[in-house]
Structure formats: C-alpha cells, structure tokens
Amino acid sequence: MAPFVNFINIAVKPLRIVLTTITLYLSRALFFFLKKEKSLTIEELEHVIKESKDKKILTPEETDLIRGYLALLSSKRIGNSMALLKMNRCLSRPPAGSSRLRKTRAK
C-alpha cells in the first residue's frame, strides 16, 4: 500500500504546486479589494439578541449568557480603573467570621 501512495504523491506533486501557487496569488488579489468591516455596537448586538429571542433562534439561557457577556464587555470599556477600585474594596474587607484578620488589622 505504501508504494502506491508514494507513487500517487509523486505523480500529483506538480499539479499540487501549480494549484497552491495560483490560489495563493488569487486570494491575495481578492483580499486586497475587500474593505474592513466596522465593528458592531453593543446596541446593535442587543437588537440582534432581541430579534433572535423573539424568533426562537436563541433559548432564554443563551440570551442571558450573551447579555451577561455584553454587560461584562461594556463594564470593561468603562475603564479598568473602576474595576480595580471595586476589586480593591472587596479585597480590603475581611471575610465574614475571620477573626484572625480582624486582630491583625487592629494591631
């Protein structure tokens, strides 16, 4: 079986090289003329989610998951400083029932 596969590989190699070269330059030429699309806004995505839910394309769980992700994205865009501020506030509070932390902070 291996000699047969080797023979086919050698026989097809020139055709493979020609086709690969043609498709390489053709794809470069075509993608040169394509324009970059602008990003969708969160409002546009919300509209898509609403329409998909109304037409029963998305389940309610999927809708909630996507909306949660969009909320996370929009909160990231507000600024990392706000997120860091919230995180610092959470870290500065000792966990409930942690008397050891309270004693060290009191000192």
PDB file of N, CA and C in Angstrom:
ATOM      1  N   MET A   1       0.830  -1.193   0.000  1.00  0.00           N
ATOM      2  CA  MET A   1       0.000   0.000   0.000  1.00  0.00           C
ATOM      3  C   MET A   1       0.871   1.252   0.000  1.00  0.00           C
ATOM      4  N   ALA A   2       1.948   1.252   0.773  1.00  0.00           N
ATOM      5  CA  ALA A   2       2.806   2.430   0.873  1.00  0.00           C
ATOM      6  C   ALA A   2       3.461   2.795  -0.463  1.00  0.00           C
ATOM      7  N   PRO A   3       3.922   1.850  -1.276  1.00  0.00           N
ATOM      8  CA  PRO A   3       4.498   2.236  -2.569  1.00  0.00           C
ATOM      9  C   PRO A   3       3.474   2.899  -3.489  1.00  0.00           C
ATOM     10  N   PHE A   4       2.222   2.427  -3.433  1.00  0.00           N
ATOM     11  CA  PHE A   4       1.176   3.030  -4.253  1.00  0.00           C
ATOM     12  C   PHE A   4       0.908   4.476  -3.836  1.00  0.00           C
ATOM     13  N   VAL A   5       0.816   4.728  -2.545  1.00  0.00           N
ATOM     14  CA  VAL A   5       0.583   6.080  -2.033  1.00  0.00           C
ATOM     15  C   VAL A   5       1.759   6.977  -2.384  1.00  0.00           C
ATOM     16  N   ASN A   6       2.964   6.455  -2.300  1.00  0.00           N
ATOM     17  CA  ASN A   6       4.150   7.223  -2.658  1.00  0.00           C
ATOM     18  C   ASN A   6       4.127   7.590  -4.145  1.00  0.00           C
ATOM     19  N   PHE A   7       3.706   6.648  -5.004  1.00  0.00           N
ATOM     20  CA  PHE A   7       3.617   6.911  -6.438  1.00  0.00           C
ATOM     21  C   PHE A   7       2.591   8.008  -6.720  1.00  0.00           C
ATOM     22  N   ILE A   8       1.428   7.940  -6.085  1.00  0.00           N
ATOM     23  CA  ILE A   8       0.379   8.965  -6.272  1.00  0.00           C
ATOM     24  C   ILE A   8       0.898  10.320  -5.799  1.00  0.00           C
ATOM     25  N   ASN A   9       1.602  10.342  -4.695  1.00  0.00           N
ATOM     26  CA  ASN A   9       2.153  11.588  -4.163  1.00  0.00           C
ATOM     27  C   ASN A   9       3.124  12.215  -5.164  1.00  0.00           C
ATOM     28  N   ILE A  10       3.991  11.431  -5.723  1.00  0.00           N
ATOM     29  CA  ILE A  10       4.964  11.938  -6.705  1.00  0.00           C
ATOM     30  C   ILE A  10       4.258  12.380  -7.980  1.00  0.00           C
ATOM     31  N   ALA A  11       3.241  11.634  -8.429  1.00  0.00           N
ATOM     32  CA  ALA A  11       2.542  11.948  -9.672  1.00  0.00           C
ATOM     33  C   ALA A  11       1.721  13.236  -9.557  1.00  0.00           C
ATOM     34  N   VAL A  12       1.173  13.501  -8.395  1.00  0.00           N
ATOM     35  CA  VAL A  12       0.281  14.646  -8.214  1.00  0.00           C
ATOM     36  C   VAL A  12       1.036  15.898  -7.768  1.00  0.00           C
ATOM     37  N   LYS A  13       2.270  15.763  -7.364  1.00  0.00           N
ATOM     38  CA  LYS A  13       3.033  16.884  -6.809  1.00  0.00           C
ATOM     39  C   LYS A  13       3.090  18.101  -7.738  1.00  0.00           C
ATOM     40  N   PRO A  14       3.369  17.973  -9.038  1.00  0.00           N
ATOM     41  CA  PRO A  14       3.397  19.172  -9.892  1.00  0.00           C
ATOM     42  C   PRO A  14       2.045  19.888  -9.943  1.00  0.00           C
ATOM     43  N   LEU A  15       0.967  19.138 -10.015  1.00  0.00           N
ATOM     44  CA  LEU A  15      -0.368  19.741 -10.025  1.00  0.00           C
ATOM     45  C   LEU A  15      -0.647  20.453  -8.709  1.00  0.00           C
ATOM     46  N   ARG A  16      -0.247  19.842  -7.610  1.00  0.00           N
ATOM     47  CA  ARG A  16      -0.447  20.441  -6.292  1.00  0.00           C
ATOM     48  C   ARG A  16       0.316  21.759  -6.166  1.00  0.00           C
ATOM     49  N   ILE A  17       1.541  21.808  -6.667  1.00  0.00           N
ATOM     50  CA  ILE A  17       2.350  23.038  -6.601  1.00  0.00           C
ATOM     51  C   ILE A  17       1.704  24.148  -7.425  1.00  0.00           C
ATOM     52  N   VAL A  18       1.241  23.810  -8.634  1.00  0.00           N
ATOM     53  CA  VAL A  18       0.601  24.808  -9.503  1.00  0.00           C
ATOM     54  C   VAL A  18      -0.676  25.346  -8.857  1.00  0.00           C
ATOM     55  N   LEU A  19      -1.515  24.458  -8.361  1.00  0.00           N
ATOM     56  CA  LEU A  19      -2.770  24.899  -7.734  1.00  0.00           C
ATOM     57  C   LEU A  19      -2.527  25.731  -6.485  1.00  0.00           C
ATOM     58  N   THR A  20      -1.567  25.354  -5.687  1.00  0.00           N
ATOM     59  CA  THR A  20      -1.252  26.119  -4.478  1.00  0.00           C
ATOM     60  C   THR A  20      -0.764  27.516  -4.832  1.00  0.00           C
ATOM     61  N   THR A  21       0.086  27.630  -5.842  1.00  0.00           N
ATOM     62  CA  THR A  21       0.608  28.936  -6.266  1.00  0.00           C
ATOM     63  C   THR A  21      -0.511  29.819  -6.805  1.00  0.00           C
ATOM     64  N   ILE A  22      -1.387  29.256  -7.630  1.00  0.00           N
ATOM     65  CA  ILE A  22      -2.492  30.035  -8.198  1.00  0.00           C
ATOM     66  C   ILE A  22      -3.409  30.536  -7.093  1.00  0.00           C
ATOM     67  N   THR A  23      -3.798  29.658  -6.171  1.00  0.00           N
ATOM     68  CA  THR A  23      -4.722  30.072  -5.108  1.00  0.00           C
ATOM     69  C   THR A  23      -4.081  31.080  -4.159  1.00  0.00           C
ATOM     70  N   LEU A  24      -2.791  30.995  -3.954  1.00  0.00           N
ATOM     71  CA  LEU A  24      -2.106  31.962  -3.095  1.00  0.00           C
ATOM     72  C   LEU A  24      -2.235  33.370  -3.662  1.00  0.00           C
ATOM     73  N   TYR A  25      -1.890  33.542  -4.942  1.00  0.00           N
ATOM     74  CA  TYR A  25      -1.943  34.872  -5.541  1.00  0.00           C
ATOM     75  C   TYR A  25      -3.371  35.344  -5.778  1.00  0.00           C
ATOM     76  N   LEU A  26      -4.258  34.429  -6.090  1.00  0.00           N
ATOM     77  CA  LEU A  26      -5.660  34.794  -6.276  1.00  0.00           C
ATOM     78  C   LEU A  26      -6.275  35.289  -4.969  1.00  0.00           C
ATOM     79  N   SER A  27      -6.007  34.606  -3.875  1.00  0.00           N
ATOM     80  CA  SER A  27      -6.560  35.036  -2.584  1.00  0.00           C
ATOM     81  C   SER A  27      -5.963  36.367  -2.150  1.00  0.00           C
ATOM     82  N   ARG A  28      -4.674  36.588  -2.405  1.00  0.00           N
ATOM     83  CA  ARG A  28      -4.075  37.889  -2.080  1.00  0.00           C
ATOM     84  C   ARG A  28      -4.720  39.002  -2.886  1.00  0.00           C
ATOM     85  N   ALA A  29      -4.982  38.759  -4.158  1.00  0.00           N
ATOM     86  CA  ALA A  29      -5.602  39.774  -5.013  1.00  0.00           C
ATOM     87  C   ALA A  29      -7.024  40.073  -4.559  1.00  0.00           C
ATOM     88  N   LEU A  30      -7.784  39.048  -4.227  1.00  0.00           N
ATOM     89  CA  LEU A  30      -9.165  39.265  -3.816  1.00  0.00           C
ATOM     90  C   LEU A  30      -9.251  39.962  -2.462  1.00  0.00           C
ATOM     91  N   PHE A  31      -8.428  39.563  -1.514  1.00  0.00           N
ATOM     92  CA  PHE A  31      -8.489  40.181  -0.195  1.00  0.00           C
ATOM     93  C   PHE A  31      -7.937  41.598  -0.195  1.00  0.00           C
ATOM     94  N   PHE A  32      -7.180  41.969  -1.211  1.00  0.00           N
ATOM     95  CA  PHE A  32      -6.691  43.333  -1.317  1.00  0.00           C
ATOM     96  C   PHE A  32      -7.850  44.303  -1.513  1.00  0.00           C
ATOM     97  N   PHE A  33      -8.883  43.860  -2.240  1.00  0.00           N
ATOM     98  CA  PHE A  33     -10.013  44.730  -2.557  1.00  0.00           C
ATOM     99  C   PHE A  33     -11.114  44.710  -1.507  1.00  0.00           C
ATOM    100  N   LEU A  34     -11.075  43.765  -0.601  1.00  0.00           N
ATOM    101  CA  LEU A  34     -12.095  43.720   0.448  1.00  0.00           C
ATOM    102  C   LEU A  34     -11.844  44.817   1.476  1.00  0.00           C
ATOM    103  N   LYS A  35     -12.909  45.476   1.872  1.00  0.00           N
ATOM    104  CA  LYS A  35     -12.789  46.521   2.882  1.00  0.00           C
ATOM    105  C   LYS A  35     -13.050  45.922   4.258  1.00  0.00           C
ATOM    106  N   LYS A  36     -12.368  46.474   5.238  1.00  0.00           N
ATOM    107  CA  LYS A  36     -12.567  46.001   6.607  1.00  0.00           C
ATOM    108  C   LYS A  36     -13.919  46.509   7.106  1.00  0.00           C
ATOM    109  N   GLU A  37     -14.687  45.605   7.682  1.00  0.00           N
ATOM    110  CA  GLU A  37     -16.000  45.979   8.189  1.00  0.00           C
ATOM    111  C   GLU A  37     -15.861  46.639   9.550  1.00  0.00           C
ATOM    112  N   LYS A  38     -16.771  47.587   9.821  1.00  0.00           N
ATOM    113  CA  LYS A  38     -16.732  48.222  11.131  1.00  0.00           C
ATOM    114  C   LYS A  38     -17.349  47.295  12.165  1.00  0.00           C
ATOM    115  N   SER A  39     -16.928  47.451  13.392  1.00  0.00           N
ATOM    116  CA  SER A  39     -17.416  46.606  14.479  1.00  0.00           C
ATOM    117  C   SER A  39     -18.863  46.960  14.804  1.00  0.00           C
ATOM    118  N   LEU A  40     -19.592  45.970  15.284  1.00  0.00           N
ATOM    119  CA  LEU A  40     -20.959  46.210  15.721  1.00  0.00           C
ATOM    120  C   LEU A  40     -20.942  46.888  17.082  1.00  0.00           C
ATOM    121  N   THR A  41     -21.890  47.767  17.305  1.00  0.00           N
ATOM    122  CA  THR A  41     -22.006  48.394  18.619  1.00  0.00           C
ATOM    123  C   THR A  41     -22.787  47.458  19.538  1.00  0.00           C
ATOM    124  N   ILE A  42     -22.736  47.746  20.813  1.00  0.00           N
ATOM    125  CA  ILE A  42     -23.456  46.922  21.782  1.00  0.00           C
ATOM    126  C   ILE A  42     -24.961  47.053  21.562  1.00  0.00           C
ATOM    127  N   GLU A  43     -25.418  48.238  21.151  1.00  0.00           N
ATOM    128  CA  GLU A  43     -26.842  48.430  20.875  1.00  0.00           C
ATOM    129  C   GLU A  43     -27.290  47.554  19.706  1.00  0.00           C
ATOM    130  N   GLU A  44     -26.457  47.469  18.665  1.00  0.00           N
ATOM    131  CA  GLU A  44     -26.790  46.614  17.523  1.00  0.00           C
ATOM    132  C   GLU A  44     -26.830  45.145  17.937  1.00  0.00           C
ATOM    133  N   LEU A  45     -25.889  44.750  18.774  1.00  0.00           N
ATOM    134  CA  LEU A  45     -25.881  43.371  19.259  1.00  0.00           C
ATOM    135  C   LEU A  45     -27.106  43.069  20.123  1.00  0.00           C
ATOM    136  N   GLU A  46     -27.502  44.038  20.944  1.00  0.00           N
ATOM    137  CA  GLU A  46     -28.708  43.875  21.761  1.00  0.00           C
ATOM    138  C   GLU A  46     -29.931  43.675  20.869  1.00  0.00           C
ATOM    139  N   HIS A  47     -30.000  44.426  19.769  1.00  0.00           N
ATOM    140  CA  HIS A  47     -31.114  44.279  18.827  1.00  0.00           C
ATOM    141  C   HIS A  47     -31.111  42.883  18.208  1.00  0.00           C
ATOM    142  N   VAL A  48     -29.947  42.400  17.826  1.00  0.00           N
ATOM    143  CA  VAL A  48     -29.828  41.055  17.247  1.00  0.00           C
ATOM    144  C   VAL A  48     -30.271  40.010  18.264  1.00  0.00           C
ATOM    145  N   ILE A  49     -29.868  40.178  19.515  1.00  0.00           N
ATOM    146  CA  ILE A  49     -30.251  39.231  20.565  1.00  0.00           C
ATOM    147  C   ILE A  49     -31.766  39.226  20.755  1.00  0.00           C
ATOM    148  N   LYS A  50     -32.359  40.426  20.781  1.00  0.00           N
ATOM    149  CA  LYS A  50     -33.809  40.535  20.971  1.00  0.00           C
ATOM    150  C   LYS A  50     -34.559  39.862  19.828  1.00  0.00           C
ATOM    151  N   GLU A  51     -34.135  40.134  18.602  1.00  0.00           N
ATOM    152  CA  GLU A  51     -34.797  39.528  17.447  1.00  0.00           C
ATOM    153  C   GLU A  51     -34.611  38.013  17.437  1.00  0.00           C
ATOM    154  N   SER A  52     -33.429  37.547  17.798  1.00  0.00           N
ATOM    155  CA  SER A  52     -33.170  36.104  17.832  1.00  0.00           C
ATOM    156  C   SER A  52     -34.020  35.419  18.894  1.00  0.00           C
ATOM    157  N   LYS A  53     -34.219  36.103  20.010  1.00  0.00           N
ATOM    158  CA  LYS A  53     -35.053  35.526  21.065  1.00  0.00           C
ATOM    159  C   LYS A  53     -36.516  35.512  20.635  1.00  0.00           C
ATOM    160  N   ASP A  54     -36.967  36.608  19.995  1.00  0.00           N
ATOM    161  CA  ASP A  54     -38.358  36.677  19.551  1.00  0.00           C
ATOM    162  C   ASP A  54     -38.675  35.613  18.501  1.00  0.00           C
ATOM    163  N   LYS A  55     -37.710  35.309  17.651  1.00  0.00           N
ATOM    164  CA  LYS A  55     -37.927  34.314  16.595  1.00  0.00           C
ATOM    165  C   LYS A  55     -37.541  32.905  17.049  1.00  0.00           C
ATOM    166  N   LYS A  56     -37.257  32.754  18.345  1.00  0.00           N
ATOM    167  CA  LYS A  56     -36.926  31.467  18.954  1.00  0.00           C
ATOM    168  C   LYS A  56     -35.676  30.830  18.358  1.00  0.00           C
ATOM    169  N   ILE A  57     -34.727  31.661  17.939  1.00  0.00           N
ATOM    170  CA  ILE A  57     -33.443  31.149  17.470  1.00  0.00           C
ATOM    171  C   ILE A  57     -32.557  30.849  18.672  1.00  0.00           C
ATOM    172  N   LEU A  58     -32.631  31.716  19.684  1.00  0.00           N
ATOM    173  CA  LEU A  58     -31.870  31.533  20.919  1.00  0.00           C
ATOM    174  C   LEU A  58     -32.803  31.122  22.045  1.00  0.00           C
ATOM    175  N   THR A  59     -32.309  30.270  22.923  1.00  0.00           N
ATOM    176  CA  THR A  59     -33.072  29.916  24.111  1.00  0.00           C
ATOM    177  C   THR A  59     -32.902  31.036  25.138  1.00  0.00           C
ATOM    178  N   PRO A  60     -33.786  31.102  26.124  1.00  0.00           N
ATOM    179  CA  PRO A  60     -33.620  32.133  27.160  1.00  0.00           C
ATOM    180  C   PRO A  60     -32.279  32.045  27.888  1.00  0.00           C
ATOM    181  N   GLU A  61     -31.763  30.825  28.082  1.00  0.00           N
ATOM    182  CA  GLU A  61     -30.467  30.667  28.749  1.00  0.00           C
ATOM    183  C   GLU A  61     -29.343  31.247  27.894  1.00  0.00           C
ATOM    184  N   GLU A  62     -29.415  30.990  26.594  1.00  0.00           N
ATOM    185  CA  GLU A  62     -28.395  31.532  25.696  1.00  0.00           C
ATOM    186  C   GLU A  62     -28.465  33.059  25.653  1.00  0.00           C
ATOM    187  N   THR A  63     -29.675  33.572  25.665  1.00  0.00           N
ATOM    188  CA  THR A  63     -29.856  35.024  25.658  1.00  0.00           C
ATOM    189  C   THR A  63     -29.253  35.643  26.906  1.00  0.00           C
ATOM    190  N   ASP A  64     -29.533  35.039  28.067  1.00  0.00           N
ATOM    191  CA  ASP A  64     -28.971  35.555  29.320  1.00  0.00           C
ATOM    192  C   ASP A  64     -27.452  35.491  29.315  1.00  0.00           C
ATOM    193  N   LEU A  65     -26.905  34.399  28.787  1.00  0.00           N
ATOM    194  CA  LEU A  65     -25.458  34.239  28.727  1.00  0.00           C
ATOM    195  C   LEU A  65     -24.826  35.322  27.856  1.00  0.00           C
ATOM    196  N   ILE A  66     -25.410  35.578  26.699  1.00  0.00           N
ATOM    197  CA  ILE A  66     -24.862  36.592  25.790  1.00  0.00           C
ATOM    198  C   ILE A  66     -25.007  37.984  26.388  1.00  0.00           C
ATOM    199  N   ARG A  67     -26.148  38.263  26.997  1.00  0.00           N
ATOM    200  CA  ARG A  67     -26.337  39.586  27.617  1.00  0.00           C
ATOM    201  C   ARG A  67     -25.357  39.801  28.769  1.00  0.00           C
ATOM    202  N   GLY A  68     -25.090  38.743  29.530  1.00  0.00           N
ATOM    203  CA  GLY A  68     -24.103  38.843  30.607  1.00  0.00           C
ATOM    204  C   GLY A  68     -22.722  39.139  30.067  1.00  0.00           C
ATOM    205  N   TYR A  69     -22.371  38.500  28.955  1.00  0.00           N
ATOM    206  CA  TYR A  69     -21.078  38.753  28.331  1.00  0.00           C
ATOM    207  C   TYR A  69     -20.991  40.193  27.822  1.00  0.00           C
ATOM    208  N   LEU A  70     -22.073  40.682  27.226  1.00  0.00           N
ATOM    209  CA  LEU A  70     -22.080  42.071  26.739  1.00  0.00           C
ATOM    210  C   LEU A  70     -21.983  43.051  27.907  1.00  0.00           C
ATOM    211  N   ALA A  71     -22.627  42.727  29.013  1.00  0.00           N
ATOM    212  CA  ALA A  71     -22.527  43.593  30.195  1.00  0.00           C
ATOM    213  C   ALA A  71     -21.098  43.613  30.707  1.00  0.00           C
ATOM    214  N   LEU A  72     -20.445  42.467  30.671  1.00  0.00           N
ATOM    215  CA  LEU A  72     -19.046  42.400  31.090  1.00  0.00           C
ATOM    216  C   LEU A  72     -18.172  43.231  30.159  1.00  0.00           C
ATOM    217  N   LEU A  73     -18.413  43.133  28.855  1.00  0.00           N
ATOM    218  CA  LEU A  73     -17.642  43.927  27.897  1.00  0.00           C
ATOM    219  C   LEU A  73     -17.837  45.416  28.113  1.00  0.00           C
ATOM    220  N   SER A  74     -19.096  45.828  28.310  1.00  0.00           N
ATOM    221  CA  SER A  74     -19.345  47.251  28.481  1.00  0.00           C
ATOM    222  C   SER A  74     -18.753  47.754  29.792  1.00  0.00           C
ATOM    223  N   SER A  75     -18.725  46.920  30.824  1.00  0.00           N
ATOM    224  CA  SER A  75     -18.109  47.359  32.077  1.00  0.00           C
ATOM    225  C   SER A  75     -16.598  47.460  31.924  1.00  0.00           C
ATOM    226  N   LYS A  76     -16.004  46.615  31.075  1.00  0.00           N
ATOM    227  CA  LYS A  76     -14.569  46.710  30.830  1.00  0.00           C
ATOM    228  C   LYS A  76     -14.240  47.999  30.089  1.00  0.00           C
ATOM    229  N   ARG A  77     -15.128  48.405  29.191  1.00  0.00           N
ATOM    230  CA  ARG A  77     -14.883  49.616  28.409  1.00  0.00           C
ATOM    231  C   ARG A  77     -14.982  50.876  29.249  1.00  0.00           C
ATOM    232  N   ILE A  78     -15.731  50.804  30.340  1.00  0.00           N
ATOM    233  CA  ILE A  78     -15.842  51.973  31.205  1.00  0.00           C
ATOM    234  C   ILE A  78     -14.474  52.323  31.763  1.00  0.00           C
ATOM    235  N   GLY A  79     -13.708  51.318  31.991  1.00  0.00           N
ATOM    236  CA  GLY A  79     -12.348  51.569  32.456  1.00  0.00           C
ATOM    237  C   GLY A  79     -11.897  50.522  33.445  1.00  0.00           C
ATOM    238  N   ASN A  80     -10.671  50.158  33.309  1.00  0.00           N
ATOM    239  CA  ASN A  80     -10.114  49.188  34.234  1.00  0.00           C
ATOM    240  C   ASN A  80      -9.944  49.790  35.610  1.00  0.00           C
ATOM    241  N   SER A  81      -9.863  51.109  35.698  1.00  0.00           N
ATOM    242  CA  SER A  81      -9.687  51.739  36.999  1.00  0.00           C
ATOM    243  C   SER A  81     -10.896  51.510  37.892  1.00  0.00           C
ATOM    244  N   MET A  82     -12.106  51.543  37.308  1.00  0.00           N
ATOM    245  CA  MET A  82     -13.303  51.288  38.112  1.00  0.00           C
ATOM    246  C   MET A  82     -13.317  49.840  38.596  1.00  0.00           C
ATOM    247  N   ALA A  83     -12.933  48.922  37.734  1.00  0.00           N
ATOM    248  CA  ALA A  83     -12.896  47.523  38.125  1.00  0.00           C
ATOM    249  C   ALA A  83     -11.854  47.290  39.210  1.00  0.00           C
ATOM    250  N   LEU A  84     -10.709  47.938  39.063  1.00  0.00           N
ATOM    251  CA  LEU A  84      -9.675  47.800  40.088  1.00  0.00           C
ATOM    252  C   LEU A  84     -10.131  48.390  41.407  1.00  0.00           C
ATOM    253  N   LEU A  85     -10.849  49.501  41.354  1.00  0.00           N
ATOM    254  CA  LEU A  85     -11.360  50.121  42.562  1.00  0.00           C
ATOM    255  C   LEU A  85     -12.322  49.176  43.277  1.00  0.00           C
ATOM    256  N   LYS A  86     -13.232  48.561  42.517  1.00  0.00           N
ATOM    257  CA  LYS A  86     -14.180  47.616  43.114  1.00  0.00           C
ATOM    258  C   LYS A  86     -13.457  46.402  43.681  1.00  0.00           C
ATOM    259  N   MET A  87     -12.458  45.927  42.951  1.00  0.00           N
ATOM    260  CA  MET A  87     -11.715  44.757  43.418  1.00  0.00           C
ATOM    261  C   MET A  87     -10.951  45.091  44.695  1.00  0.00           C
ATOM    262  N   ASN A  88     -10.365  46.270  44.751  1.00  0.00           N
ATOM    263  CA  ASN A  88      -9.637  46.664  45.955  1.00  0.00           C
ATOM    264  C   ASN A  88     -10.568  46.768  47.150  1.00  0.00           C
ATOM    265  N   ARG A  89     -11.788  47.271  46.916  1.00  0.00           N
ATOM    266  CA  ARG A  89     -12.753  47.363  48.005  1.00  0.00           C
ATOM    267  C   ARG A  89     -13.101  45.970  48.529  1.00  0.00           C
ATOM    268  N   CYS A  90     -13.295  45.031  47.609  1.00  0.00           N
ATOM    269  CA  CYS A  90     -13.635  43.659  48.018  1.00  0.00           C
ATOM    270  C   CYS A  90     -12.476  43.007  48.760  1.00  0.00           C
ATOM    271  N   LEU A  91     -11.263  43.253  48.302  1.00  0.00           N
ATOM    272  CA  LEU A  91     -10.106  42.635  48.937  1.00  0.00           C
ATOM    273  C   LEU A  91      -9.803  43.259  50.296  1.00  0.00           C
ATOM    274  N   SER A  92     -10.185  44.518  50.480  1.00  0.00           N
ATOM    275  CA  SER A  92      -9.872  45.163  51.751  1.00  0.00           C
ATOM    276  C   SER A  92     -10.814  44.715  52.861  1.00  0.00           C
ATOM    277  N   ARG A  93     -11.955  44.125  52.498  1.00  0.00           N
ATOM    278  CA  ARG A  93     -12.890  43.625  53.509  1.00  0.00           C
ATOM    279  C   ARG A  93     -12.476  42.226  53.935  1.00  0.00           C
ATOM    280  N   PRO A  94     -12.413  41.970  55.239  1.00  0.00           N
ATOM    281  CA  PRO A  94     -12.104  40.604  55.681  1.00  0.00           C
ATOM    282  C   PRO A  94     -13.314  39.704  55.453  1.00  0.00           C
ATOM    283  N   PRO A  95     -13.084  38.450  55.184  1.00  0.00           N
ATOM    284  CA  PRO A  95     -14.202  37.523  55.014  1.00  0.00           C
ATOM    285  C   PRO A  95     -15.010  37.417  56.292  1.00  0.00           C
ATOM    286  N   ALA A  96     -16.281  37.122  56.147  1.00  0.00           N
ATOM    287  CA  ALA A  96     -17.162  37.021  57.313  1.00  0.00           C
ATOM    288  C   ALA A  96     -16.677  35.891  58.222  1.00  0.00           C
ATOM    289  N   GLY A  97     -16.608  36.177  59.526  1.00  0.00           N
ATOM    290  CA  GLY A  97     -16.199  35.177  60.504  1.00  0.00           C
ATOM    291  C   GLY A  97     -14.704  34.976  60.605  1.00  0.00           C
ATOM    292  N   SER A  98     -13.936  35.861  60.015  1.00  0.00           N
ATOM    293  CA  SER A  98     -12.492  35.717  60.054  1.00  0.00           C
ATOM    294  C   SER A  98     -11.935  36.614  61.152  1.00  0.00           C
ATOM    295  N   SER A  99     -11.841  36.079  62.358  1.00  0.00           N
ATOM    296  CA  SER A  99     -11.379  36.876  63.486  1.00  0.00           C
ATOM    297  C   SER A  99      -9.877  37.111  63.414  1.00  0.00           C
ATOM    298  N   ARG A 100      -9.136  36.213  62.786  1.00  0.00           N
ATOM    299  CA  ARG A 100      -7.679  36.359  62.694  1.00  0.00           C
ATOM    300  C   ARG A 100      -7.331  37.634  61.918  1.00  0.00           C
ATOM    301  N   LEU A 101      -8.044  37.867  60.810  1.00  0.00           N
ATOM    302  CA  LEU A 101      -7.778  39.070  60.024  1.00  0.00           C
ATOM    303  C   LEU A 101      -8.132  40.333  60.802  1.00  0.00           C
ATOM    304  N   ARG A 102      -9.199  40.266  61.549  1.00  0.00           N
ATOM    305  CA  ARG A 102      -9.592  41.456  62.320  1.00  0.00           C
ATOM    306  C   ARG A 102      -8.555  41.794  63.366  1.00  0.00           C
ATOM    307  N   LYS A 103      -7.973  40.776  64.008  1.00  0.00           N
ATOM    308  CA  LYS A 103      -6.962  41.030  65.027  1.00  0.00           C
ATOM    309  C   LYS A 103      -5.700  41.632  64.405  1.00  0.00           C
ATOM    310  N   THR A 104      -5.306  41.141  63.253  1.00  0.00           N
ATOM    311  CA  THR A 104      -4.090  41.695  62.634  1.00  0.00           C
ATOM    312  C   THR A 104      -4.329  43.104  62.166  1.00  0.00           C
ATOM    313  N   ARG A 105      -5.489  43.423  61.719  1.00  0.00           N
ATOM    314  CA  ARG A 105      -5.763  44.792  61.257  1.00  0.00           C
ATOM    315  C   ARG A 105      -5.882  45.757  62.440  1.00  0.00           C
ATOM    316  N   ALA A 106      -6.322  45.225  63.562  1.00  0.00           N
ATOM    317  CA  ALA A 106      -6.471  46.080  64.747  1.00  0.00           C
ATOM    318  C   ALA A 106      -5.103  46.490  65.283  1.00  0.00           C
ATOM    319  N   LYS A 107      -4.076  45.661  65.084  1.00  0.00           N
ATOM    320  CA  LYS A 107      -2.735  45.952  65.615  1.00  0.00           C
ATOM    321  C   LYS A 107      -2.096  47.037  64.890  1.00  0.00           C
TER     322      LYS A 107
END
